[in-house]
Amino acid sequence: MARTPDTGPDPAGSPGPRRLSVVQLICRAYGLSDASEITEEHIHRFVSERRGADERTQALRDRLRPRIPRQRAAGDAA
């Protein structure tokens, strides 16, 4: 499951950060005032944009990940 961005501390005073729902993310992304304005097109567009961003993030992580060789077990041949 994909993580949603943190928005800061929960106003109720709980120690964890407050999470945004997908509906809130779509409304913010497209400047909608509430969920009743969301169309199927908004949903498809949001999903495709999110998928592209996730792929770019993973590619960047892979590129920046250090190449640390794993240790060989005692019985491994060289």
PDB file of N, CA and C in Angstrom:
ATOM      1  N   MET A   1       0.840  -1.182   0.000  1.00  0.00           N
ATOM      2  CA  MET A   1       0.000   0.000   0.000  1.00  0.00           C
ATOM      3  C   MET A   1       0.885   1.246   0.000  1.00  0.00           C
ATOM      4  N   ALA A   2       0.537   2.212  -0.767  1.00  0.00           N
ATOM      5  CA  ALA A   2       1.344   3.411  -0.889  1.00  0.00           C
ATOM      6  C   ALA A   2       1.150   4.310   0.324  1.00  0.00           C
ATOM      7  N   ARG A   3       2.227   4.946   0.708  1.00  0.00           N
ATOM      8  CA  ARG A   3       2.158   5.883   1.818  1.00  0.00           C
ATOM      9  C   ARG A   3       1.565   7.195   1.347  1.00  0.00           C
ATOM     10  N   THR A   4       0.887   7.866   2.249  1.00  0.00           N
ATOM     11  CA  THR A   4       0.390   9.195   1.933  1.00  0.00           C
ATOM     12  C   THR A   4       1.259  10.205   2.654  1.00  0.00           C
ATOM     13  N   PRO A   5       1.379  11.407   2.124  1.00  0.00           N
ATOM     14  CA  PRO A   5       2.242  12.404   2.753  1.00  0.00           C
ATOM     15  C   PRO A   5       1.753  12.785   4.144  1.00  0.00           C
ATOM     16  N   ASP A   6       2.691  13.108   5.007  1.00  0.00           N
ATOM     17  CA  ASP A   6       2.363  13.572   6.352  1.00  0.00           C
ATOM     18  C   ASP A   6       1.984  15.042   6.285  1.00  0.00           C
ATOM     19  N   THR A   7       1.076  15.430   7.152  1.00  0.00           N
ATOM     20  CA  THR A   7       0.671  16.833   7.172  1.00  0.00           C
ATOM     21  C   THR A   7       1.039  17.513   8.471  1.00  0.00           C
ATOM     22  N   GLY A   8       1.753  16.823   9.343  1.00  0.00           N
ATOM     23  CA  GLY A   8       2.137  17.399  10.622  1.00  0.00           C
ATOM     24  C   GLY A   8       1.426  16.688  11.749  1.00  0.00           C
ATOM     25  N   PRO A   9       1.570  17.228  12.941  1.00  0.00           N
ATOM     26  CA  PRO A   9       0.962  16.563  14.095  1.00  0.00           C
ATOM     27  C   PRO A   9      -0.555  16.550  14.031  1.00  0.00           C
ATOM     28  N   ASP A  10      -1.130  15.511  14.592  1.00  0.00           N
ATOM     29  CA  ASP A  10      -2.579  15.381  14.655  1.00  0.00           C
ATOM     30  C   ASP A  10      -3.127  16.407  15.639  1.00  0.00           C
ATOM     31  N   PRO A  11      -4.151  17.162  15.250  1.00  0.00           N
ATOM     32  CA  PRO A  11      -4.695  18.169  16.155  1.00  0.00           C
ATOM     33  C   PRO A  11      -5.245  17.580  17.448  1.00  0.00           C
ATOM     34  N   ALA A  12      -5.600  16.301  17.458  1.00  0.00           N
ATOM     35  CA  ALA A  12      -6.139  15.681  18.668  1.00  0.00           C
ATOM     36  C   ALA A  12      -5.049  15.421  19.706  1.00  0.00           C
ATOM     37  N   GLY A  13      -3.788  15.635  19.322  1.00  0.00           N
ATOM     38  CA  GLY A  13      -2.705  15.484  20.271  1.00  0.00           C
ATOM     39  C   GLY A  13      -2.070  14.105  20.280  1.00  0.00           C
ATOM     40  N   SER A  14      -2.435  13.235  19.354  1.00  0.00           N
ATOM     41  CA  SER A  14      -1.807  11.919  19.312  1.00  0.00           C
ATOM     42  C   SER A  14      -0.355  12.080  18.850  1.00  0.00           C
ATOM     43  N   PRO A  15       0.531  11.175  19.249  1.00  0.00           N
ATOM     44  CA  PRO A  15       1.948  11.353  18.953  1.00  0.00           C
ATOM     45  C   PRO A  15       2.315  11.180  17.479  1.00  0.00           C
ATOM     46  N   GLY A  16       1.551  10.420  16.708  1.00  0.00           N
ATOM     47  CA  GLY A  16       1.882  10.159  15.310  1.00  0.00           C
ATOM     48  C   GLY A  16       1.404  11.263  14.386  1.00  0.00           C
ATOM     49  N   PRO A  17       1.980  11.337  13.163  1.00  0.00           N
ATOM     50  CA  PRO A  17       1.531  12.343  12.198  1.00  0.00           C
ATOM     51  C   PRO A  17       0.159  11.989  11.629  1.00  0.00           C
ATOM     52  N   ARG A  18      -0.577  12.996  11.208  1.00  0.00           N
ATOM     53  CA  ARG A  18      -1.903  12.789  10.617  1.00  0.00           C
ATOM     54  C   ARG A  18      -1.730  12.442   9.148  1.00  0.00           C
ATOM     55  N   ARG A  19      -2.483  11.475   8.659  1.00  0.00           N
ATOM     56  CA  ARG A  19      -2.418  11.044   7.265  1.00  0.00           C
ATOM     57  C   ARG A  19      -3.575  11.645   6.479  1.00  0.00           C
ATOM     58  N   LEU A  20      -3.317  11.914   5.190  1.00  0.00           N
ATOM     59  CA  LEU A  20      -4.361  12.406   4.304  1.00  0.00           C
ATOM     60  C   LEU A  20      -5.002  11.230   3.584  1.00  0.00           C
ATOM     61  N   SER A  21      -6.294  11.316   3.354  1.00  0.00           N
ATOM     62  CA  SER A  21      -6.977  10.284   2.584  1.00  0.00           C
ATOM     63  C   SER A  21      -6.734  10.543   1.093  1.00  0.00           C
ATOM     64  N   VAL A  22      -6.996   9.549   0.279  1.00  0.00           N
ATOM     65  CA  VAL A  22      -6.855   9.701  -1.167  1.00  0.00           C
ATOM     66  C   VAL A  22      -7.795  10.788  -1.675  1.00  0.00           C
ATOM     67  N   VAL A  23      -8.975  10.855  -1.116  1.00  0.00           N
ATOM     68  CA  VAL A  23      -9.942  11.890  -1.514  1.00  0.00           C
ATOM     69  C   VAL A  23      -9.362  13.278  -1.246  1.00  0.00           C
ATOM     70  N   GLN A  24      -8.748  13.462  -0.070  1.00  0.00           N
ATOM     71  CA  GLN A  24      -8.144  14.755   0.254  1.00  0.00           C
ATOM     72  C   GLN A  24      -6.984  15.070  -0.682  1.00  0.00           C
ATOM     73  N   LEU A  25      -6.182  14.055  -1.009  1.00  0.00           N
ATOM     74  CA  LEU A  25      -5.068  14.272  -1.926  1.00  0.00           C
ATOM     75  C   LEU A  25      -5.552  14.700  -3.306  1.00  0.00           C
ATOM     76  N   ILE A  26      -6.605  14.055  -3.804  1.00  0.00           N
ATOM     77  CA  ILE A  26      -7.146  14.410  -5.122  1.00  0.00           C
ATOM     78  C   ILE A  26      -7.722  15.827  -5.093  1.00  0.00           C
ATOM     79  N   CYS A  27      -8.453  16.151  -4.061  1.00  0.00           N
ATOM     80  CA  CYS A  27      -9.021  17.504  -3.954  1.00  0.00           C
ATOM     81  C   CYS A  27      -7.921  18.563  -3.940  1.00  0.00           C
ATOM     82  N   ARG A  28      -6.862  18.320  -3.177  1.00  0.00           N
ATOM     83  CA  ARG A  28      -5.752  19.280  -3.129  1.00  0.00           C
ATOM     84  C   ARG A  28      -5.015  19.359  -4.460  1.00  0.00           C
ATOM     85  N   ALA A  29      -4.818  18.209  -5.109  1.00  0.00           N
ATOM     86  CA  ALA A  29      -4.062  18.184  -6.363  1.00  0.00           C
ATOM     87  C   ALA A  29      -4.756  18.966  -7.468  1.00  0.00           C
ATOM     88  N   TYR A  30      -6.085  18.947  -7.488  1.00  0.00           N
ATOM     89  CA  TYR A  30      -6.819  19.581  -8.589  1.00  0.00           C
ATOM     90  C   TYR A  30      -7.655  20.774  -8.150  1.00  0.00           C
ATOM     91  N   GLY A  31      -7.442  21.255  -6.944  1.00  0.00           N
ATOM     92  CA  GLY A  31      -8.127  22.459  -6.487  1.00  0.00           C
ATOM     93  C   GLY A  31      -9.630  22.302  -6.325  1.00  0.00           C
ATOM     94  N   LEU A  32     -10.070  21.124  -5.915  1.00  0.00           N
ATOM     95  CA  LEU A  32     -11.495  20.866  -5.731  1.00  0.00           C
ATOM     96  C   LEU A  32     -11.886  21.204  -4.299  1.00  0.00           C
ATOM     97  N   SER A  33     -13.119  21.678  -4.121  1.00  0.00           N
ATOM     98  CA  SER A  33     -13.537  22.078  -2.779  1.00  0.00           C
ATOM     99  C   SER A  33     -13.973  20.897  -1.917  1.00  0.00           C
ATOM    100  N   ASP A  34     -14.528  19.850  -2.530  1.00  0.00           N
ATOM    101  CA  ASP A  34     -14.891  18.662  -1.745  1.00  0.00           C
ATOM    102  C   ASP A  34     -15.006  17.433  -2.641  1.00  0.00           C
ATOM    103  N   ALA A  35     -15.270  16.296  -2.026  1.00  0.00           N
ATOM    104  CA  ALA A  35     -15.279  15.013  -2.729  1.00  0.00           C
ATOM    105  C   ALA A  35     -16.362  14.930  -3.802  1.00  0.00           C
ATOM    106  N   SER A  36     -17.434  15.705  -3.668  1.00  0.00           N
ATOM    107  CA  SER A  36     -18.521  15.623  -4.651  1.00  0.00           C
ATOM    108  C   SER A  36     -18.090  16.117  -6.029  1.00  0.00           C
ATOM    109  N   GLU A  37     -16.982  16.856  -6.105  1.00  0.00           N
ATOM    110  CA  GLU A  37     -16.502  17.374  -7.386  1.00  0.00           C
ATOM    111  C   GLU A  37     -15.569  16.407  -8.109  1.00  0.00           C
ATOM    112  N   ILE A  38     -15.143  15.334  -7.449  1.00  0.00           N
ATOM    113  CA  ILE A  38     -14.206  14.385  -8.050  1.00  0.00           C
ATOM    114  C   ILE A  38     -14.906  13.578  -9.137  1.00  0.00           C
ATOM    115  N   THR A  39     -14.288  13.541 -10.311  1.00  0.00           N
ATOM    116  CA  THR A  39     -14.829  12.748 -11.417  1.00  0.00           C
ATOM    117  C   THR A  39     -13.924  11.541 -11.654  1.00  0.00           C
ATOM    118  N   GLU A  40     -14.390  10.642 -12.481  1.00  0.00           N
ATOM    119  CA  GLU A  40     -13.597   9.467 -12.835  1.00  0.00           C
ATOM    120  C   GLU A  40     -12.291   9.895 -13.505  1.00  0.00           C
ATOM    121  N   GLU A  41     -12.345  10.954 -14.286  1.00  0.00           N
ATOM    122  CA  GLU A  41     -11.143  11.475 -14.949  1.00  0.00           C
ATOM    123  C   GLU A  41     -10.107  11.935 -13.926  1.00  0.00           C
ATOM    124  N   HIS A  42     -10.550  12.606 -12.862  1.00  0.00           N
ATOM    125  CA  HIS A  42      -9.627  13.020 -11.803  1.00  0.00           C
ATOM    126  C   HIS A  42      -8.917  11.811 -11.200  1.00  0.00           C
ATOM    127  N   ILE A  43      -9.673  10.757 -10.956  1.00  0.00           N
ATOM    128  CA  ILE A  43      -9.118   9.552 -10.334  1.00  0.00           C
ATOM    129  C   ILE A  43      -8.087   8.910 -11.258  1.00  0.00           C
ATOM    130  N   HIS A  44      -8.418   8.733 -12.544  1.00  0.00           N
ATOM    131  CA  HIS A  44      -7.489   8.122 -13.485  1.00  0.00           C
ATOM    132  C   HIS A  44      -6.219   8.959 -13.627  1.00  0.00           C
ATOM    133  N   ARG A  45      -6.394  10.252 -13.706  1.00  0.00           N
ATOM    134  CA  ARG A  45      -5.241  11.147 -13.854  1.00  0.00           C
ATOM    135  C   ARG A  45      -4.346  11.099 -12.618  1.00  0.00           C
ATOM    136  N   PHE A  46      -4.954  11.120 -11.442  1.00  0.00           N
ATOM    137  CA  PHE A  46      -4.201  11.073 -10.192  1.00  0.00           C
ATOM    138  C   PHE A  46      -3.407   9.774 -10.090  1.00  0.00           C
ATOM    139  N   VAL A  47      -4.051   8.648 -10.414  1.00  0.00           N
ATOM    140  CA  VAL A  47      -3.387   7.343 -10.328  1.00  0.00           C
ATOM    141  C   VAL A  47      -2.215   7.269 -11.304  1.00  0.00           C
ATOM    142  N   SER A  48      -2.414   7.722 -12.532  1.00  0.00           N
ATOM    143  CA  SER A  48      -1.325   7.645 -13.510  1.00  0.00           C
ATOM    144  C   SER A  48      -0.172   8.569 -13.133  1.00  0.00           C
ATOM    145  N   GLU A  49      -0.464   9.763 -12.619  1.00  0.00           N
ATOM    146  CA  GLU A  49       0.596  10.674 -12.184  1.00  0.00           C
ATOM    147  C   GLU A  49       1.343  10.099 -10.987  1.00  0.00           C
ATOM    148  N   ARG A  50       0.603   9.507 -10.073  1.00  0.00           N
ATOM    149  CA  ARG A  50       1.207   8.923  -8.876  1.00  0.00           C
ATOM    150  C   ARG A  50       2.099   7.733  -9.247  1.00  0.00           C
ATOM    151  N   ARG A  51       1.625   6.907 -10.176  1.00  0.00           N
ATOM    152  CA  ARG A  51       2.403   5.751 -10.619  1.00  0.00           C
ATOM    153  C   ARG A  51       3.721   6.209 -11.243  1.00  0.00           C
ATOM    154  N   GLY A  52       3.664   7.239 -12.080  1.00  0.00           N
ATOM    155  CA  GLY A  52       4.884   7.778 -12.701  1.00  0.00           C
ATOM    156  C   GLY A  52       5.847   8.333 -11.665  1.00  0.00           C
ATOM    157  N   ALA A  53       5.329   9.036 -10.674  1.00  0.00           N
ATOM    158  CA  ALA A  53       6.176   9.584  -9.614  1.00  0.00           C
ATOM    159  C   ALA A  53       6.816   8.459  -8.805  1.00  0.00           C
ATOM    160  N   ASP A  54       6.056   7.405  -8.516  1.00  0.00           N
ATOM    161  CA  ASP A  54       6.594   6.268  -7.771  1.00  0.00           C
ATOM    162  C   ASP A  54       7.707   5.577  -8.553  1.00  0.00           C
ATOM    163  N   GLU A  55       7.531   5.436  -9.872  1.00  0.00           N
ATOM    164  CA  GLU A  55       8.558   4.805 -10.705  1.00  0.00           C
ATOM    165  C   GLU A  55       9.827   5.644 -10.737  1.00  0.00           C
ATOM    166  N   ARG A  56       9.671   6.965 -10.857  1.00  0.00           N
ATOM    167  CA  ARG A  56      10.848   7.851 -10.861  1.00  0.00           C
ATOM    168  C   ARG A  56      11.563   7.810  -9.516  1.00  0.00           C
ATOM    169  N   THR A  57      10.795   7.767  -8.429  1.00  0.00           N
ATOM    170  CA  THR A  57      11.395   7.699  -7.095  1.00  0.00           C
ATOM    171  C   THR A  57      12.172   6.404  -6.929  1.00  0.00           C
ATOM    172  N   GLN A  58      11.608   5.289  -7.363  1.00  0.00           N
ATOM    173  CA  GLN A  58      12.298   4.005  -7.232  1.00  0.00           C
ATOM    174  C   GLN A  58      13.566   3.980  -8.079  1.00  0.00           C
ATOM    175  N   ALA A  59      13.518   4.537  -9.276  1.00  0.00           N
ATOM    176  CA  ALA A  59      14.704   4.587 -10.129  1.00  0.00           C
ATOM    177  C   ALA A  59      15.799   5.417  -9.479  1.00  0.00           C
ATOM    178  N   LEU A  60      15.426   6.525  -8.858  1.00  0.00           N
ATOM    179  CA  LEU A  60      16.400   7.375  -8.166  1.00  0.00           C
ATOM    180  C   LEU A  60      16.988   6.648  -6.967  1.00  0.00           C
ATOM    181  N   ARG A  61      16.150   5.959  -6.207  1.00  0.00           N
ATOM    182  CA  ARG A  61      16.652   5.199  -5.065  1.00  0.00           C
ATOM    183  C   ARG A  61      17.628   4.118  -5.506  1.00  0.00           C
ATOM    184  N   ASP A  62      17.278   3.411  -6.588  1.00  0.00           N
ATOM    185  CA  ASP A  62      18.163   2.366  -7.098  1.00  0.00           C
ATOM    186  C   ASP A  62      19.502   2.936  -7.530  1.00  0.00           C
ATOM    187  N   ARG A  63      19.463   4.104  -8.159  1.00  0.00           N
ATOM    188  CA  ARG A  63      20.693   4.724  -8.639  1.00  0.00           C
ATOM    189  C   ARG A  63      21.573   5.201  -7.483  1.00  0.00           C
ATOM    190  N   LEU A  64      20.961   5.673  -6.421  1.00  0.00           N
ATOM    191  CA  LEU A  64      21.716   6.227  -5.296  1.00  0.00           C
ATOM    192  C   LEU A  64      22.068   5.195  -4.223  1.00  0.00           C
ATOM    193  N   ARG A  65      21.479   4.006  -4.328  1.00  0.00           N
ATOM    194  CA  ARG A  65      21.742   2.978  -3.330  1.00  0.00           C
ATOM    195  C   ARG A  65      23.199   2.532  -3.424  1.00  0.00           C
ATOM    196  N   PRO A  66      23.909   2.510  -2.304  1.00  0.00           N
ATOM    197  CA  PRO A  66      25.313   2.083  -2.350  1.00  0.00           C
ATOM    198  C   PRO A  66      25.421   0.607  -2.721  1.00  0.00           C
ATOM    199  N   ARG A  67      26.458   0.289  -3.468  1.00  0.00           N
ATOM    200  CA  ARG A  67      26.708  -1.092  -3.885  1.00  0.00           C
ATOM    201  C   ARG A  67      27.620  -1.745  -2.851  1.00  0.00           C
ATOM    202  N   ILE A  68      27.030  -2.408  -1.880  1.00  0.00           N
ATOM    203  CA  ILE A  68      27.794  -3.064  -0.828  1.00  0.00           C
ATOM    204  C   ILE A  68      27.778  -4.559  -1.115  1.00  0.00           C
ATOM    205  N   PRO A  69      28.949  -5.134  -1.374  1.00  0.00           N
ATOM    206  CA  PRO A  69      28.967  -6.569  -1.650  1.00  0.00           C
ATOM    207  C   PRO A  69      28.584  -7.360  -0.408  1.00  0.00           C
ATOM    208  N   ARG A  70      27.845  -8.440  -0.614  1.00  0.00           N
ATOM    209  CA  ARG A  70      27.464  -9.249   0.540  1.00  0.00           C
ATOM    210  C   ARG A  70      28.593 -10.189   0.881  1.00  0.00           C
ATOM    211  N   GLN A  71      28.683 -10.510   2.159  1.00  0.00           N
ATOM    212  CA  GLN A  71      29.734 -11.428   2.606  1.00  0.00           C
ATOM    213  C   GLN A  71      29.404 -12.841   2.146  1.00  0.00           C
ATOM    214  N   ARG A  72      30.435 -13.564   1.810  1.00  0.00           N
ATOM    215  CA  ARG A  72      30.246 -14.947   1.395  1.00  0.00           C
ATOM    216  C   ARG A  72      30.148 -15.844   2.618  1.00  0.00           C
ATOM    217  N   ALA A  73      29.385 -16.892   2.462  1.00  0.00           N
ATOM    218  CA  ALA A  73      29.297 -17.891   3.523  1.00  0.00           C
ATOM    219  C   ALA A  73      30.593 -18.696   3.531  1.00  0.00           C
ATOM    220  N   ALA A  74      30.854 -19.376   4.607  1.00  0.00           N
ATOM    221  CA  ALA A  74      32.095 -20.118   4.761  1.00  0.00           C
ATOM    222  C   ALA A  74      32.293 -21.158   3.661  1.00  0.00           C
ATOM    223  N   GLY A  75      31.233 -21.755   3.160  1.00  0.00           N
ATOM    224  CA  GLY A  75      31.366 -22.818   2.160  1.00  0.00           C
ATOM    225  C   GLY A  75      31.315 -22.336   0.719  1.00  0.00           C
ATOM    226  N   ASP A  76      31.130 -21.017   0.467  1.00  0.00           N
ATOM    227  CA  ASP A  76      31.044 -20.504  -0.906  1.00  0.00           C
ATOM    228  C   ASP A  76      32.392 -20.563  -1.597  1.00  0.00           C
ATOM    229  N   ALA A  77      32.383 -20.954  -2.865  1.00  0.00           N
ATOM    230  CA  ALA A  77      33.618 -20.962  -3.659  1.00  0.00           C
ATOM    231  C   ALA A  77      33.884 -19.561  -4.177  1.00  0.00           C
ATOM    232  N   ALA A  78      35.135 -19.241  -4.376  1.00  0.00           N
ATOM    233  CA  ALA A  78      35.520 -17.906  -4.833  1.00  0.00           C
ATOM    234  C   ALA A  78      35.355 -17.723  -6.297  1.00  0.00           C
TER     235      ALA A  78
END
